[in-house]
Amino acid sequence: MQKPKIYVTRKIPNEALKMLEERCDVTCWSQENEPVSRQELLEAVKDVDGIYCLLTERIDAEVFEAAPRLRIVSTMAVGYDNIDVVEAKRRGVMVTNTPGVLTETTADLTFALLMATARRLPEAEAFVKEDKWSTWSPMLMTGQDVYGATLGVIGMGRIGEAVIRRARGFDMKLLYHNRTRKPELETELGVVYTSMDDLLKQSDFIIVLTPLTSETKHLIGEREFGLMKDTAVFINTSRGPVVDEEALYEALVNNKIWAAGLDVFEKEPIRGNHPLLTLSNVVALPHIGSAGIATRTKMAVLAAESLLAGVFRDEPPRRIV
């Protein structure tokens, strides 16, 4: 019996790759730090039964058209805005993702980014390493206090809940806004539901954790930054296009808000000449929200399990979008 053919768009952890190779004919893009080109992707999927992709690949009608045998697309990510799920459904192609396993790791990174931005840690480290520290000074590298401050979370999914649990240890006042209200969480975690505008006005720290959809693109723009305190710290670990980066830049330059911590950007990878990278009150990370060794391995294995289930159809994949 001929093995199903699988295309893997990037080098993945060996544990997941071996699972695929044991049962399938696997072709894998060999460059670890360089995404597959569009033309190479279209050529590679012509006779495959499954695609194992990352968020760096756009899987759309053109790809589906190039892969007539395709049964499943499995993405090693929670977000799937890079995949045209409507077109996939129309063609009977399953789409799976990897929610759940990265919740705590991403919440860790989110709160770490909040702390680093609030207390200016990257800026302070550079200050020491560049030999600029000559004496102790009362207001040297002063930042915003976190303990007891008001935190507003926009998007109360799994990661939002996990961030709230961490914030309780800092005795923060907790606000949230979500598409649907969650009374049981309000009772359990002591978090208060509020309107978006009230959250923006009242919060010292604002974290965006919404998925990227047509409704959430540029959810945070000029109007929203205008409602924030001039001492507010803004954190985004969701998806870059949720924020209007031009409006964010203007808000930071004109002191409408105090600082921003960003793990995601509208166009990735972000380059050194990007306006936001010229600002000392921006902490920028290379989309590492889930980048724990154990977590990334679990994500890779879950994506592989889903792919195998979709190809062989022994049982339904556990994480169908």
Protein backbone atom coordinates (compact mmCIF):
# COMPACT_ATOMS: atom_id res chain seq x y z
CA MET A 1 0.00 0.00 0.00
CA GLN A 2 1.37 3.39 -0.96
CA LYS A 3 2.01 5.72 1.95
CA PRO A 4 0.15 9.05 2.10
CA LYS A 5 2.27 12.02 1.05
CA ILE A 6 2.83 14.84 3.49
CA TYR A 7 4.50 18.22 3.01
CA VAL A 8 5.99 19.96 6.05
CA THR A 9 6.66 23.64 5.44
CA ARG A 10 9.45 24.08 8.02
CA LYS A 11 11.89 22.08 10.09
CA ILE A 12 9.97 20.84 13.14
CA PRO A 13 10.98 19.02 16.37
CA ASN A 14 12.28 15.52 15.66
CA GLU A 15 9.69 13.85 17.85
CA ALA A 16 6.89 15.11 15.62
CA LEU A 17 8.77 14.53 12.39
CA LYS A 18 9.49 10.90 13.29
CA MET A 19 5.79 10.31 13.95
CA LEU A 20 5.00 11.43 10.43
CA GLU A 21 7.88 9.57 8.78
CA GLU A 22 6.86 6.27 10.39
CA ARG A 23 3.55 6.24 8.53
CA CYS A 24 3.87 8.68 5.63
CA ASP A 25 6.05 9.72 2.74
CA VAL A 26 7.28 13.06 4.11
CA THR A 27 8.91 15.94 2.30
CA CYS A 28 10.13 18.74 4.54
CA TRP A 29 11.35 22.24 3.68
CA SER A 30 14.95 22.13 4.85
CA GLN A 31 15.57 25.76 5.84
CA GLU A 32 14.99 26.27 9.56
CA ASN A 33 15.02 30.07 9.58
CA GLU A 34 13.74 30.85 6.10
CA PRO A 35 10.12 30.25 5.02
CA VAL A 36 9.36 28.32 1.87
CA SER A 37 8.75 30.55 -1.13
CA ARG A 38 5.28 30.76 -2.62
CA GLN A 39 6.31 29.09 -5.86
CA GLU A 40 8.12 26.26 -4.09
CA LEU A 41 5.10 25.70 -1.86
CA LEU A 42 2.72 25.46 -4.81
CA GLU A 43 5.04 23.01 -6.54
CA ALA A 44 5.57 20.88 -3.45
CA VAL A 45 1.88 20.28 -2.65
CA LYS A 46 0.78 19.03 -6.07
CA ASP A 47 0.34 15.40 -5.02
CA VAL A 48 0.13 15.58 -1.22
CA ASP A 49 -2.58 14.27 1.07
CA GLY A 50 -1.67 16.54 3.97
CA ILE A 51 0.08 19.84 4.67
CA TYR A 52 1.79 20.56 7.98
CA CYS A 53 2.26 24.33 8.11
CA LEU A 54 3.18 27.25 10.32
CA LEU A 55 1.64 30.71 10.53
CA THR A 56 4.23 31.92 8.00
CA GLU A 57 2.50 30.14 5.11
CA ARG A 58 -0.64 31.46 3.42
CA ILE A 59 -2.86 28.51 2.65
CA ASP A 60 -5.56 29.81 0.32
CA ALA A 61 -7.56 28.91 -2.80
CA GLU A 62 -4.41 28.90 -4.93
CA VAL A 63 -2.81 26.29 -2.69
CA PHE A 64 -5.98 24.17 -2.58
CA GLU A 65 -6.19 24.35 -6.36
CA ALA A 66 -2.58 23.16 -6.62
CA ALA A 67 -3.24 20.22 -4.28
CA PRO A 68 -6.25 18.27 -5.59
CA ARG A 69 -5.58 15.27 -3.31
CA LEU A 70 -5.37 17.34 -0.14
CA ARG A 71 -7.34 16.01 2.83
CA ILE A 72 -6.07 18.07 5.75
CA VAL A 73 -4.07 21.16 6.69
CA SER A 74 -2.59 21.01 10.18
CA THR A 75 -1.06 24.19 11.56
CA MET A 76 1.38 24.26 14.46
CA ALA A 77 -0.31 27.30 15.99
CA VAL A 78 -3.47 28.42 17.74
CA GLY A 79 -4.21 31.19 15.24
CA TYR A 80 -5.29 30.14 11.76
CA ASP A 81 -5.86 33.50 10.06
CA ASN A 82 -3.25 32.42 7.48
CA ILE A 83 -5.60 29.66 6.28
CA ASP A 84 -8.73 30.26 4.22
CA VAL A 85 -11.02 28.01 6.26
CA VAL A 86 -14.09 28.92 4.19
CA GLU A 87 -12.37 27.69 1.04
CA ALA A 88 -11.10 24.62 2.89
CA LYS A 89 -14.62 23.74 4.00
CA ARG A 90 -15.96 24.25 0.50
CA ARG A 91 -13.41 21.75 -0.79
CA GLY A 92 -13.89 19.26 2.04
CA VAL A 93 -10.39 19.83 3.48
CA MET A 94 -10.04 19.60 7.26
CA VAL A 95 -8.13 22.32 9.12
CA THR A 96 -6.67 21.73 12.59
CA ASN A 97 -4.74 23.87 15.07
CA THR A 98 -3.02 23.47 18.45
CA PRO A 99 -4.94 25.29 21.20
CA GLY A 100 -4.59 24.53 24.89
CA VAL A 101 -1.01 23.30 25.03
CA LEU A 102 0.49 26.79 24.77
CA THR A 103 -1.85 28.61 27.17
CA GLU A 104 0.39 28.78 30.23
CA THR A 105 3.60 29.43 28.30
CA THR A 106 2.02 32.32 26.39
CA ALA A 107 0.56 33.72 29.61
CA ASP A 108 4.05 33.59 31.16
CA LEU A 109 5.48 35.53 28.24
CA THR A 110 2.64 38.04 28.30
CA PHE A 111 3.13 38.85 31.96
CA ALA A 112 6.91 38.90 31.55
CA LEU A 113 6.51 41.40 28.72
CA LEU A 114 4.24 43.52 30.89
CA MET A 115 6.84 43.54 33.67
CA ALA A 116 9.76 44.23 31.33
CA THR A 117 7.93 47.14 29.68
CA ALA A 118 6.65 48.61 32.93
CA ARG A 119 10.07 48.55 34.61
CA ARG A 120 12.08 49.35 31.44
CA LEU A 121 14.22 46.23 31.83
CA PRO A 122 15.67 46.01 28.27
CA GLU A 123 16.49 49.72 28.36
CA ALA A 124 18.12 49.38 31.78
CA GLU A 125 20.16 46.35 30.72
CA ALA A 126 21.45 48.22 27.67
CA PHE A 127 22.28 51.18 29.91
CA VAL A 128 24.58 48.98 32.01
CA LYS A 129 26.12 47.02 29.12
CA GLU A 130 26.85 50.21 27.18
CA ASP A 131 28.77 51.52 30.22
CA LYS A 132 26.47 54.48 30.79
CA TRP A 133 25.91 53.81 34.50
CA SER A 134 28.06 56.24 36.43
CA THR A 135 26.16 56.71 39.71
CA TRP A 136 22.96 55.87 41.57
CA SER A 137 20.23 58.45 41.07
CA PRO A 138 16.77 58.68 42.71
CA MET A 139 14.87 58.71 39.39
CA LEU A 140 17.25 56.66 37.26
CA MET A 141 15.33 54.25 35.00
CA THR A 142 12.13 54.66 36.96
CA GLY A 143 9.12 52.83 35.58
CA GLN A 144 5.49 52.07 36.35
CA ASP A 145 4.56 50.07 39.46
CA VAL A 146 2.74 46.83 38.72
CA TYR A 147 1.63 45.72 42.18
CA GLY A 148 -1.83 47.05 42.97
CA ALA A 149 -2.33 48.64 39.55
CA THR A 150 -5.39 48.16 37.33
CA LEU A 151 -5.11 45.57 34.57
CA GLY A 152 -7.52 45.45 31.64
CA VAL A 153 -7.62 42.34 29.44
CA ILE A 154 -9.31 42.51 26.04
CA GLY A 155 -10.22 38.96 25.02
CA MET A 156 -10.98 36.48 27.79
CA GLY A 157 -10.06 33.15 26.23
CA ARG A 158 -7.78 30.55 27.77
CA ILE A 159 -4.72 32.80 27.69
CA GLY A 160 -6.65 35.77 29.08
CA GLU A 161 -7.80 33.66 32.03
CA ALA A 162 -4.24 32.46 32.65
CA VAL A 163 -2.91 36.03 32.61
CA ILE A 164 -5.60 37.09 35.10
CA ARG A 165 -4.53 34.29 37.43
CA ARG A 166 -0.96 35.59 37.37
CA ALA A 167 -2.09 39.16 37.95
CA ARG A 168 -3.96 38.15 41.10
CA GLY A 169 -0.60 37.42 42.69
CA PHE A 170 0.25 41.11 42.20
CA ASP A 171 -3.00 42.20 43.87
CA MET A 172 -4.04 43.99 40.68
CA LYS A 173 -7.53 45.37 40.11
CA LEU A 174 -8.85 43.22 37.28
CA LEU A 175 -11.05 44.32 34.37
CA TYR A 176 -11.96 42.48 31.18
CA HIS A 177 -13.88 42.95 27.98
CA ASN A 178 -14.97 40.04 25.83
CA ARG A 179 -17.44 39.30 23.07
CA THR A 180 -19.42 37.23 25.58
CA ARG A 181 -19.54 37.87 29.29
CA LYS A 182 -18.30 35.10 31.62
CA PRO A 183 -20.07 35.42 35.01
CA GLU A 184 -18.52 32.23 36.38
CA LEU A 185 -15.02 33.66 35.86
CA GLU A 186 -16.03 36.91 37.50
CA THR A 187 -16.95 34.93 40.61
CA GLU A 188 -13.93 32.63 40.48
CA LEU A 189 -11.22 35.18 39.67
CA GLY A 190 -12.64 38.45 40.97
CA VAL A 191 -12.45 40.03 37.53
CA VAL A 192 -14.94 42.76 36.57
CA TYR A 193 -16.64 42.91 33.16
CA THR A 194 -16.72 46.37 31.62
CA SER A 195 -17.24 48.08 28.31
CA MET A 196 -14.26 48.49 26.02
CA ASP A 197 -14.20 52.25 26.50
CA ASP A 198 -14.33 52.04 30.29
CA LEU A 199 -11.58 49.44 30.30
CA LEU A 200 -9.35 51.68 28.19
CA LYS A 201 -10.02 54.70 30.42
CA GLN A 202 -9.49 52.97 33.76
CA SER A 203 -6.60 50.55 33.14
CA ASP A 204 -2.95 51.17 33.95
CA PHE A 205 -2.00 48.13 31.90
CA ILE A 206 -3.94 46.98 28.83
CA ILE A 207 -3.37 43.56 27.29
CA VAL A 208 -4.89 42.51 23.95
CA LEU A 209 -5.50 38.78 23.59
CA THR A 210 -8.16 38.57 20.87
CA PRO A 211 -7.96 36.33 17.79
CA LEU A 212 -7.52 38.06 14.44
CA THR A 213 -10.77 38.23 12.50
CA SER A 214 -12.35 40.73 10.13
CA GLU A 215 -14.02 42.29 13.19
CA THR A 216 -10.83 42.62 15.25
CA LYS A 217 -8.48 43.99 12.59
CA HIS A 218 -7.29 47.40 13.86
CA LEU A 219 -9.49 46.94 16.91
CA ILE A 220 -7.06 49.23 18.72
CA GLY A 221 -6.46 52.46 16.82
CA GLU A 222 -6.27 56.23 17.22
CA ARG A 223 -9.58 56.51 19.06
CA GLU A 224 -8.73 53.73 21.49
CA PHE A 225 -5.26 55.08 22.29
CA GLY A 226 -6.86 58.48 22.86
CA LEU A 227 -9.01 56.98 25.63
CA MET A 228 -6.05 55.52 27.52
CA LYS A 229 -4.22 57.16 30.40
CA ASP A 230 -1.01 58.96 29.47
CA THR A 231 0.69 56.60 31.95
CA ALA A 232 -0.81 53.46 30.38
CA VAL A 233 1.31 50.50 29.29
CA PHE A 234 -0.05 48.67 26.26
CA ILE A 235 0.76 45.00 25.60
CA ASN A 236 -0.05 42.95 22.50
CA THR A 237 0.62 39.20 22.37
CA SER A 238 -2.33 38.27 20.15
CA ARG A 239 -1.87 39.11 16.45
CA GLY A 240 -0.19 42.17 14.97
CA PRO A 241 -3.04 43.41 12.73
CA VAL A 242 -5.32 43.74 15.76
CA VAL A 243 -3.45 47.02 16.36
CA ASP A 244 -3.08 50.00 14.02
CA GLU A 245 0.70 50.41 14.27
CA GLU A 246 0.70 53.94 12.83
CA ALA A 247 -1.75 55.02 15.52
CA LEU A 248 0.35 53.26 18.17
CA TYR A 249 3.48 55.04 17.00
CA GLU A 250 1.74 58.42 17.13
CA ALA A 251 0.38 57.67 20.61
CA LEU A 252 3.85 56.82 21.89
CA VAL A 253 5.62 59.74 20.23
CA ASN A 254 3.03 62.24 21.44
CA ASN A 255 2.99 60.83 24.99
CA LYS A 256 -0.65 59.77 24.80
CA ILE A 257 0.44 56.49 26.39
CA TRP A 258 3.58 55.67 28.36
CA ALA A 259 4.96 52.53 26.71
CA ALA A 260 4.18 49.44 24.65
CA GLY A 261 5.32 45.83 24.78
CA LEU A 262 4.84 43.93 21.52
CA ASP A 263 5.39 40.28 20.63
CA VAL A 264 3.51 40.52 17.33
CA PHE A 265 3.42 42.95 14.41
CA GLU A 266 1.30 43.72 11.36
CA LYS A 267 3.99 42.39 9.04
CA GLU A 268 6.48 39.85 10.33
CA PRO A 269 9.38 39.65 10.65
CA ILE A 270 9.71 43.28 11.69
CA ARG A 271 12.92 44.97 10.50
CA GLY A 272 15.27 47.38 12.26
CA ASN A 273 14.11 50.41 10.29
CA HIS A 274 10.52 50.06 11.50
CA PRO A 275 9.40 53.28 13.24
CA LEU A 276 8.37 51.47 16.43
CA LEU A 277 11.90 50.11 16.85
CA THR A 278 13.29 53.64 17.04
CA LEU A 279 11.44 54.31 20.29
CA SER A 280 12.99 53.67 23.70
CA ASN A 281 9.56 53.09 25.25
CA VAL A 282 8.83 50.06 23.07
CA VAL A 283 9.85 46.53 24.05
CA ALA A 284 9.79 44.38 20.91
CA LEU A 285 9.99 40.57 20.77
CA PRO A 286 10.10 38.18 17.75
CA HIS A 287 6.72 36.45 18.22
CA ILE A 288 7.88 34.09 20.98
CA GLY A 289 4.68 33.81 23.01
CA SER A 290 4.68 29.99 22.98
CA ALA A 291 8.46 29.57 22.73
CA GLY A 292 9.06 27.21 25.61
CA ILE A 293 10.98 24.10 24.58
CA ALA A 294 8.43 21.70 26.08
CA THR A 295 5.48 23.69 24.77
CA ARG A 296 6.72 23.98 21.20
CA THR A 297 7.42 20.23 21.19
CA LYS A 298 3.89 19.52 22.44
CA MET A 299 2.47 21.80 19.74
CA ALA A 300 4.49 19.99 17.07
CA VAL A 301 3.34 16.57 18.27
CA LEU A 302 -0.31 17.64 18.49
CA ALA A 303 -0.18 19.02 14.94
CA ALA A 304 1.38 15.74 13.76
CA GLU A 305 -1.28 13.66 15.54
CA SER A 306 -4.02 15.71 13.93
CA LEU A 307 -2.44 15.39 10.52
CA LEU A 308 -2.17 11.61 10.79
CA ALA A 309 -5.77 11.33 11.98
CA GLY A 310 -6.92 13.43 9.03
CA VAL A 311 -4.90 11.49 6.49
CA PHE A 312 -5.72 7.98 7.69
CA ARG A 313 -9.16 8.79 9.07
CA ASP A 314 -8.85 6.18 11.81
CA GLU A 315 -10.50 8.72 14.09
CA PRO A 316 -11.43 12.41 13.83
CA PRO A 317 -8.62 14.86 14.67
CA ARG A 318 -8.96 16.31 18.16
CA ARG A 319 -8.52 19.94 17.17
CA ILE A 320 -10.63 20.66 14.09
CA VAL A 321 -11.10 24.38 13.44
